[in-house]
N, C-alpha and C. Protein backbone atom coordinates (compact mmCIF):
# COMPACT_ATOMS: atom_id res chain seq x y z
N MET A 1 19.30 -7.15 6.28
CA MET A 1 18.42 -5.81 5.70
C MET A 1 17.16 -6.65 4.97
N SER A 2 15.98 -5.84 5.47
CA SER A 2 14.93 -6.47 4.91
C SER A 2 14.76 -5.72 3.66
N LYS A 3 14.13 -6.55 2.69
CA LYS A 3 13.84 -5.84 1.40
C LYS A 3 12.23 -5.72 1.43
N VAL A 4 12.18 -4.17 0.94
CA VAL A 4 10.60 -3.90 0.92
C VAL A 4 10.50 -3.06 -0.30
N ALA A 5 8.96 -3.78 -0.85
CA ALA A 5 8.56 -3.12 -2.08
C ALA A 5 7.67 -2.24 -1.76
N VAL A 6 7.45 -1.00 -2.33
CA VAL A 6 6.48 -0.21 -2.17
C VAL A 6 5.78 -0.13 -3.69
N VAL A 7 4.50 -0.42 -3.37
CA VAL A 7 3.74 -0.61 -4.88
C VAL A 7 2.49 0.19 -4.99
N PHE A 8 2.49 1.13 -6.02
CA PHE A 8 1.27 1.89 -5.61
C PHE A 8 0.86 2.49 -7.10
N TRP A 9 -0.44 2.88 -7.47
CA TRP A 9 -1.07 3.73 -8.34
C TRP A 9 -1.66 4.83 -8.07
N SER A 10 -1.24 5.98 -8.82
CA SER A 10 -1.72 7.28 -8.45
C SER A 10 -2.30 8.02 -9.72
N GLY A 11 -3.34 8.57 -9.19
CA GLY A 11 -3.92 9.27 -10.79
C GLY A 11 -3.46 10.69 -10.32
N THR A 12 -3.63 11.59 -9.27
CA THR A 12 -3.59 12.71 -8.94
C THR A 12 -2.27 13.26 -8.21
N GLY A 13 -1.50 12.36 -7.62
CA GLY A 13 -0.39 12.50 -6.89
C GLY A 13 -0.43 12.19 -5.77
N ASN A 14 -1.53 12.12 -5.03
CA ASN A 14 -2.05 12.02 -3.85
C ASN A 14 -1.34 10.91 -3.20
N THR A 15 -1.70 9.77 -3.82
CA THR A 15 -1.21 8.48 -3.21
C THR A 15 0.40 8.30 -3.64
N GLU A 16 0.92 8.83 -4.75
CA GLU A 16 2.42 8.93 -5.01
C GLU A 16 2.96 9.86 -3.80
N ALA A 17 2.54 10.79 -3.26
CA ALA A 17 2.88 11.37 -2.01
C ALA A 17 3.16 10.44 -1.00
N MET A 18 2.19 9.92 -0.48
CA MET A 18 2.00 8.77 0.50
C MET A 18 2.91 7.65 -0.04
N ALA A 19 3.07 7.19 -1.10
CA ALA A 19 4.14 6.25 -1.48
C ALA A 19 5.83 6.84 -1.08
N ASN A 20 6.02 7.84 -1.44
CA ASN A 20 7.23 8.29 -1.07
C ASN A 20 7.56 8.74 0.27
N ALA A 21 6.49 9.00 1.22
CA ALA A 21 6.73 8.76 2.67
C ALA A 21 6.85 7.49 3.42
N VAL A 22 6.04 6.45 2.76
CA VAL A 22 6.23 5.07 3.12
C VAL A 22 7.69 4.83 2.80
N GLN A 23 8.20 4.78 1.65
CA GLN A 23 9.74 4.50 1.25
C GLN A 23 10.69 5.36 2.27
N ALA A 24 10.37 6.28 2.54
CA ALA A 24 11.25 7.12 3.43
C ALA A 24 11.54 6.64 4.79
N GLY A 25 10.19 6.28 5.17
CA GLY A 25 10.09 5.45 6.56
C GLY A 25 10.74 4.24 6.54
N ALA A 26 10.68 3.38 5.54
CA ALA A 26 11.39 2.17 5.63
C ALA A 26 12.84 2.43 5.16
N GLU A 27 13.08 3.10 4.61
CA GLU A 27 14.53 3.51 4.54
C GLU A 27 15.24 3.67 5.70
N LYS A 28 14.53 4.87 6.54
CA LYS A 28 15.08 5.27 7.82
C LYS A 28 14.98 4.13 8.90
N ALA A 29 14.19 3.04 8.53
CA ALA A 29 14.25 1.88 9.45
C ALA A 29 15.38 1.00 9.12
N GLY A 30 15.99 1.30 8.17
CA GLY A 30 17.32 0.20 7.37
C GLY A 30 17.08 -0.74 6.43
N CYS A 31 15.98 -0.24 5.72
CA CYS A 31 15.19 -1.39 4.76
C CYS A 31 15.80 -0.87 3.36
N GLU A 32 16.01 -1.97 2.71
CA GLU A 32 16.48 -1.87 1.08
C GLU A 32 14.98 -1.73 0.25
N VAL A 33 14.73 -0.62 -0.18
CA VAL A 33 13.36 -0.18 -0.86
C VAL A 33 13.44 -0.07 -2.26
N THR A 34 12.53 -0.90 -2.78
CA THR A 34 12.39 -0.85 -4.44
C THR A 34 11.02 -0.20 -4.60
N VAL A 35 10.84 0.85 -5.40
CA VAL A 35 9.33 1.35 -5.76
C VAL A 35 8.97 0.86 -7.19
N PHE A 36 7.49 0.24 -7.20
CA PHE A 36 7.01 -0.24 -8.45
C PHE A 36 5.58 0.72 -8.79
N GLY A 37 5.54 0.65 -10.03
CA GLY A 37 4.10 0.90 -10.09
C GLY A 37 3.31 -0.32 -10.27
N THR A 38 2.36 -0.22 -11.56
CA THR A 38 1.34 -1.59 -11.48
C THR A 38 2.05 -2.77 -12.56
N GLU A 39 3.59 -2.69 -12.86
CA GLU A 39 4.03 -3.81 -13.35
C GLU A 39 4.97 -4.94 -12.32
N PHE A 40 4.19 -4.59 -11.04
CA PHE A 40 4.95 -5.48 -9.96
C PHE A 40 4.24 -6.86 -9.89
N ASP A 41 5.46 -7.57 -10.01
CA ASP A 41 4.78 -9.36 -10.33
C ASP A 41 5.74 -10.16 -9.54
N ALA A 42 6.54 -9.82 -8.71
CA ALA A 42 7.53 -10.62 -7.88
C ALA A 42 7.13 -10.44 -6.12
N PRO A 43 6.20 -10.68 -5.42
CA PRO A 43 5.86 -10.71 -4.44
C PRO A 43 7.10 -11.55 -3.35
N ASP A 44 7.46 -12.65 -4.03
CA ASP A 44 8.24 -13.64 -3.37
C ASP A 44 9.59 -12.86 -2.96
N ALA A 45 10.17 -12.05 -3.82
CA ALA A 45 11.63 -11.49 -3.93
C ALA A 45 11.80 -10.66 -2.59
N PHE A 46 10.74 -10.26 -1.96
CA PHE A 46 10.64 -9.16 -0.77
C PHE A 46 10.16 -9.66 0.33
N ASP A 47 10.71 -9.07 1.41
CA ASP A 47 10.30 -9.40 3.04
C ASP A 47 8.98 -8.94 3.17
N ALA A 48 8.59 -7.77 2.81
CA ALA A 48 7.51 -7.30 3.12
C ALA A 48 7.15 -6.10 1.72
N ILE A 49 5.75 -5.96 1.90
CA ILE A 49 5.21 -5.15 0.91
C ILE A 49 4.45 -4.00 1.19
N ALA A 50 4.34 -2.62 0.70
CA ALA A 50 3.37 -1.76 0.90
C ALA A 50 2.47 -1.61 -0.30
N PHE A 51 1.36 -1.62 -0.22
CA PHE A 51 0.58 -1.28 -1.47
C PHE A 51 -0.25 -0.22 -1.03
N GLY A 52 -0.39 0.91 -2.29
CA GLY A 52 -0.88 1.87 -2.12
C GLY A 52 -1.90 2.25 -3.34
N CYS A 53 -3.49 2.39 -2.99
CA CYS A 53 -3.89 2.40 -4.13
C CYS A 53 -5.26 3.57 -3.80
N PRO A 54 -5.58 4.58 -4.36
CA PRO A 54 -6.67 5.29 -4.12
C PRO A 54 -8.01 4.67 -4.32
N ALA A 55 -9.10 5.29 -3.59
CA ALA A 55 -10.59 4.76 -3.99
C ALA A 55 -10.88 5.22 -5.34
N MET A 56 -11.55 4.45 -5.91
CA MET A 56 -12.30 4.94 -7.36
C MET A 56 -13.52 4.49 -7.59
N GLY A 57 -14.17 5.17 -8.07
CA GLY A 57 -15.59 5.17 -8.56
C GLY A 57 -16.58 4.67 -7.43
N ASP A 58 -16.97 3.68 -7.06
CA ASP A 58 -17.98 3.52 -5.83
C ASP A 58 -17.15 2.78 -4.87
N GLU A 59 -15.97 3.45 -4.25
CA GLU A 59 -15.29 2.91 -3.36
C GLU A 59 -14.69 1.60 -3.82
N VAL A 60 -13.73 1.76 -4.84
CA VAL A 60 -13.12 0.06 -5.03
C VAL A 60 -11.60 0.42 -5.44
N LEU A 61 -10.66 -0.28 -5.47
CA LEU A 61 -9.31 -0.22 -6.14
C LEU A 61 -9.44 0.33 -7.58
N GLU A 62 -8.30 1.10 -8.18
CA GLU A 62 -8.61 1.29 -9.51
C GLU A 62 -8.58 0.05 -10.22
N GLU A 63 -9.43 0.16 -11.16
CA GLU A 63 -9.92 -1.02 -12.04
C GLU A 63 -9.16 -1.56 -13.37
N SER A 64 -8.26 -0.62 -13.66
CA SER A 64 -7.73 -1.06 -15.06
C SER A 64 -6.42 -1.50 -14.89
N GLU A 65 -5.73 -0.89 -14.12
CA GLU A 65 -4.07 -1.34 -13.92
C GLU A 65 -3.91 -2.16 -12.59
N PHE A 66 -4.52 -1.36 -11.24
CA PHE A 66 -3.85 -1.84 -9.79
C PHE A 66 -4.70 -2.92 -9.80
N ASP A 67 -5.81 -3.12 -9.87
CA ASP A 67 -6.55 -4.31 -9.41
C ASP A 67 -6.18 -5.44 -10.32
N PRO A 68 -5.96 -5.44 -11.41
CA PRO A 68 -5.63 -6.59 -12.04
C PRO A 68 -4.29 -6.93 -11.72
N MET A 69 -3.57 -6.21 -11.30
CA MET A 69 -1.90 -6.66 -10.89
C MET A 69 -2.23 -7.16 -9.39
N PHE A 70 -3.05 -6.74 -8.65
CA PHE A 70 -3.08 -7.05 -7.13
C PHE A 70 -3.71 -8.38 -7.42
N SER A 71 -4.62 -8.84 -8.12
CA SER A 71 -5.11 -10.01 -8.51
C SER A 71 -4.49 -11.12 -8.77
N ALA A 72 -3.47 -10.75 -9.44
CA ALA A 72 -2.55 -11.57 -10.09
C ALA A 72 -1.67 -11.91 -9.30
N ILE A 73 -1.24 -11.21 -8.09
CA ILE A 73 -0.29 -11.83 -7.19
C ILE A 73 -1.10 -12.17 -5.90
N GLU A 74 -2.23 -12.00 -5.95
CA GLU A 74 -2.73 -12.25 -4.47
C GLU A 74 -2.46 -13.68 -3.98
N GLY A 75 -2.61 -14.64 -4.68
CA GLY A 75 -2.34 -16.03 -4.51
C GLY A 75 -0.73 -16.04 -3.85
N SER A 76 0.14 -15.07 -3.91
CA SER A 76 1.46 -15.23 -3.26
C SER A 76 1.72 -14.48 -1.87
N LEU A 77 0.46 -14.01 -1.25
CA LEU A 77 0.35 -13.25 -0.02
C LEU A 77 0.25 -13.56 0.96
N SER A 78 0.22 -14.94 1.16
CA SER A 78 -0.12 -15.81 2.51
C SER A 78 1.08 -15.53 3.48
N GLY A 79 0.98 -15.40 4.54
CA GLY A 79 1.98 -15.25 5.25
C GLY A 79 3.15 -13.96 4.95
N LYS A 80 2.79 -13.20 4.08
CA LYS A 80 3.52 -11.94 3.63
C LYS A 80 3.17 -10.95 4.44
N LYS A 81 4.15 -10.15 4.99
CA LYS A 81 3.99 -9.09 5.88
C LYS A 81 3.76 -8.00 4.87
N ILE A 82 2.32 -7.14 5.17
CA ILE A 82 2.08 -6.20 4.01
C ILE A 82 1.54 -5.06 4.84
N ALA A 83 1.46 -3.72 4.21
CA ALA A 83 0.72 -2.79 4.66
C ALA A 83 -0.13 -2.09 3.60
N LEU A 84 -1.04 -1.23 3.74
CA LEU A 84 -1.88 -0.86 2.96
C LEU A 84 -2.03 0.84 3.12
N PHE A 85 -2.38 1.74 1.86
CA PHE A 85 -2.64 2.81 2.23
C PHE A 85 -3.14 3.44 0.85
N GLY A 86 -3.58 4.83 1.06
CA GLY A 86 -4.10 5.36 -0.06
C GLY A 86 -5.11 6.62 0.24
N SER A 87 -5.35 7.27 -0.99
CA SER A 87 -6.41 8.50 -0.50
C SER A 87 -7.81 8.24 -1.29
N TYR A 88 -8.43 9.34 -0.83
CA TYR A 88 -9.94 9.02 -1.31
C TYR A 88 -10.31 10.43 -1.23
N GLY A 89 -11.38 10.87 -1.95
CA GLY A 89 -12.24 12.17 -2.10
C GLY A 89 -13.63 12.24 -1.62
N TRP A 90 -14.45 11.00 -1.23
CA TRP A 90 -15.50 10.84 -0.84
C TRP A 90 -15.61 9.52 -0.24
N GLY A 91 -16.95 9.14 0.51
CA GLY A 91 -17.28 8.36 1.15
C GLY A 91 -16.60 8.05 2.55
N ASP A 92 -16.27 7.17 3.33
CA ASP A 92 -16.04 6.52 4.47
C ASP A 92 -14.70 5.59 4.57
N GLY A 93 -13.94 5.53 3.47
CA GLY A 93 -13.22 4.57 3.47
C GLY A 93 -13.32 3.20 3.25
N LYS A 94 -14.65 2.74 2.79
CA LYS A 94 -15.16 1.55 2.58
C LYS A 94 -14.31 0.53 1.78
N TRP A 95 -13.39 1.12 0.83
CA TRP A 95 -12.54 0.44 0.01
C TRP A 95 -11.30 -0.10 0.67
N MET A 96 -10.73 0.70 1.64
CA MET A 96 -9.76 0.25 2.32
C MET A 96 -10.39 -1.00 3.20
N ARG A 97 -11.38 -0.80 3.89
CA ARG A 97 -11.88 -1.83 4.70
C ARG A 97 -12.14 -3.19 3.88
N ASP A 98 -12.57 -2.92 2.90
CA ASP A 98 -12.77 -4.12 1.91
C ASP A 98 -11.45 -4.77 1.59
N TRP A 99 -10.47 -3.94 1.21
CA TRP A 99 -9.24 -4.19 0.80
C TRP A 99 -8.61 -5.21 1.76
N GLU A 100 -8.59 -4.52 3.06
CA GLU A 100 -7.94 -5.24 4.25
C GLU A 100 -8.88 -6.61 4.29
N ASP A 101 -9.98 -6.54 4.48
CA ASP A 101 -10.68 -8.04 4.53
C ASP A 101 -10.29 -9.00 3.58
N ARG A 102 -10.02 -8.48 2.18
CA ARG A 102 -9.51 -9.23 1.21
C ARG A 102 -8.11 -9.84 1.17
N CYS A 103 -7.10 -8.79 1.77
CA CYS A 103 -6.05 -9.40 2.16
C CYS A 103 -5.89 -10.24 3.37
N LYS A 104 -6.65 -10.06 4.25
CA LYS A 104 -6.77 -11.14 5.49
C LYS A 104 -7.18 -12.31 4.93
N ALA A 105 -8.10 -12.43 3.81
CA ALA A 105 -8.53 -13.72 3.60
C ALA A 105 -7.67 -14.57 2.69
N ASP A 106 -6.78 -13.56 1.81
CA ASP A 106 -5.45 -14.20 1.40
C ASP A 106 -4.47 -14.68 2.03
N GLY A 107 -4.53 -14.58 3.50
CA GLY A 107 -3.60 -15.05 4.41
C GLY A 107 -2.44 -14.00 4.78
N ALA A 108 -2.38 -12.90 4.13
CA ALA A 108 -1.25 -11.86 4.50
C ALA A 108 -1.67 -11.27 5.94
N VAL A 109 -0.43 -10.75 6.11
CA VAL A 109 -0.11 -10.27 7.95
C VAL A 109 -0.04 -8.72 7.59
N LEU A 110 -1.46 -8.18 8.24
CA LEU A 110 -1.03 -6.53 7.87
C LEU A 110 -0.12 -6.01 9.38
N ALA A 111 1.00 -5.43 8.85
CA ALA A 111 2.06 -5.16 9.68
C ALA A 111 1.61 -3.92 10.54
N ALA A 112 0.55 -2.97 10.17
CA ALA A 112 0.39 -1.75 10.51
C ALA A 112 -1.03 -1.54 10.10
N ASP A 113 -1.69 -0.50 10.82
CA ASP A 113 -2.85 0.26 10.67
C ASP A 113 -2.98 1.07 9.37
N SER A 114 -3.94 0.48 8.16
CA SER A 114 -3.56 1.25 7.02
C SER A 114 -3.79 2.59 7.35
N VAL A 115 -3.32 3.08 6.22
CA VAL A 115 -3.51 4.93 6.39
C VAL A 115 -4.29 5.38 5.44
N LEU A 116 -5.36 6.24 5.47
CA LEU A 116 -5.93 6.88 4.58
C LEU A 116 -5.91 8.17 4.57
N ALA A 117 -5.73 8.76 3.41
CA ALA A 117 -5.74 10.41 3.29
C ALA A 117 -6.96 10.80 2.56
N ASN A 118 -7.66 11.87 3.21
CA ASN A 118 -8.77 12.32 2.37
C ASN A 118 -8.06 13.74 1.70
N ASN A 119 -7.98 13.22 0.09
CA ASN A 119 -7.53 13.96 -0.84
C ASN A 119 -6.02 14.10 -0.75
N GLU A 120 -5.50 15.43 -0.68
CA GLU A 120 -3.82 15.58 -0.58
C GLU A 120 -3.68 14.91 1.09
N PRO A 121 -2.65 14.11 1.28
CA PRO A 121 -2.41 14.00 2.39
C PRO A 121 -1.58 14.89 3.30
N ASP A 122 -2.19 15.37 4.57
CA ASP A 122 -1.63 16.31 5.43
C ASP A 122 -0.55 15.74 6.24
N ASP A 123 0.23 16.76 7.06
CA ASP A 123 1.31 16.39 7.71
C ASP A 123 1.12 15.20 8.67
N ASP A 124 -0.15 14.85 8.99
CA ASP A 124 -0.57 13.71 10.08
C ASP A 124 -0.34 12.31 9.26
N ALA A 125 -0.93 12.41 8.05
CA ALA A 125 -0.95 11.03 7.01
C ALA A 125 0.43 10.98 6.68
N ILE A 126 1.36 11.83 6.32
CA ILE A 126 2.61 11.60 5.90
C ILE A 126 3.51 10.98 6.98
N ALA A 127 3.20 11.52 8.08
CA ALA A 127 3.89 10.96 9.50
C ALA A 127 3.42 9.38 9.77
N ALA A 128 2.16 9.31 9.24
CA ALA A 128 1.61 7.89 9.68
C ALA A 128 2.15 7.12 8.50
N CYS A 129 2.35 7.64 7.29
CA CYS A 129 3.02 6.71 6.12
C CYS A 129 4.46 6.46 6.55
N GLU A 130 5.08 7.35 7.03
CA GLU A 130 6.62 6.86 7.37
C GLU A 130 6.32 5.96 8.54
N ALA A 131 5.48 5.96 9.50
CA ALA A 131 5.41 4.87 10.44
C ALA A 131 5.13 3.56 9.58
N LEU A 132 4.14 3.76 8.93
CA LEU A 132 3.76 2.59 8.12
C LEU A 132 4.87 1.68 7.29
N GLY A 133 5.70 2.37 6.86
CA GLY A 133 6.89 2.11 6.31
C GLY A 133 7.90 1.49 7.21
N ALA A 134 8.15 2.15 8.26
CA ALA A 134 8.94 1.87 9.54
C ALA A 134 8.79 0.22 9.97
N ALA A 135 7.13 0.16 9.93
CA ALA A 135 6.64 -1.09 10.62
C ALA A 135 6.67 -2.35 9.73
N LEU A 136 7.29 -2.17 8.55
CA LEU A 136 7.53 -3.29 7.59
C LEU A 136 8.96 -3.71 7.75
N ALA A 137 9.66 -3.10 8.76
CA ALA A 137 11.05 -3.14 8.73
C ALA A 137 11.31 -4.85 9.70
């Protein structure tokens, strides 16, 4: 059974709703799932990791809690199967493209297309998050 971590930060609950769908998709695919906030520090303990963070400010990752946590574990992502998700309220998803490029530069393996939701995730975004979770199996 694959061990999957779902690691996220949410300010409004939109990214949290997406994280719940990722968890559900991974569990339906037979994974053992553990959900974390920004206290996550053990990427080596998991076969795959889903990271969720909304766009903040000028289309960047949340800067006070999420980005410092992510920066601290980035060196452990080489060869790791990961997936990314998050919500945004403005812009065109630049923060996600930048984040994907950063993860690829770290040597991480993106297991699925990233999922973006404009504000509150609709039914299509929730379904995409469930598929993202299943792709980590």
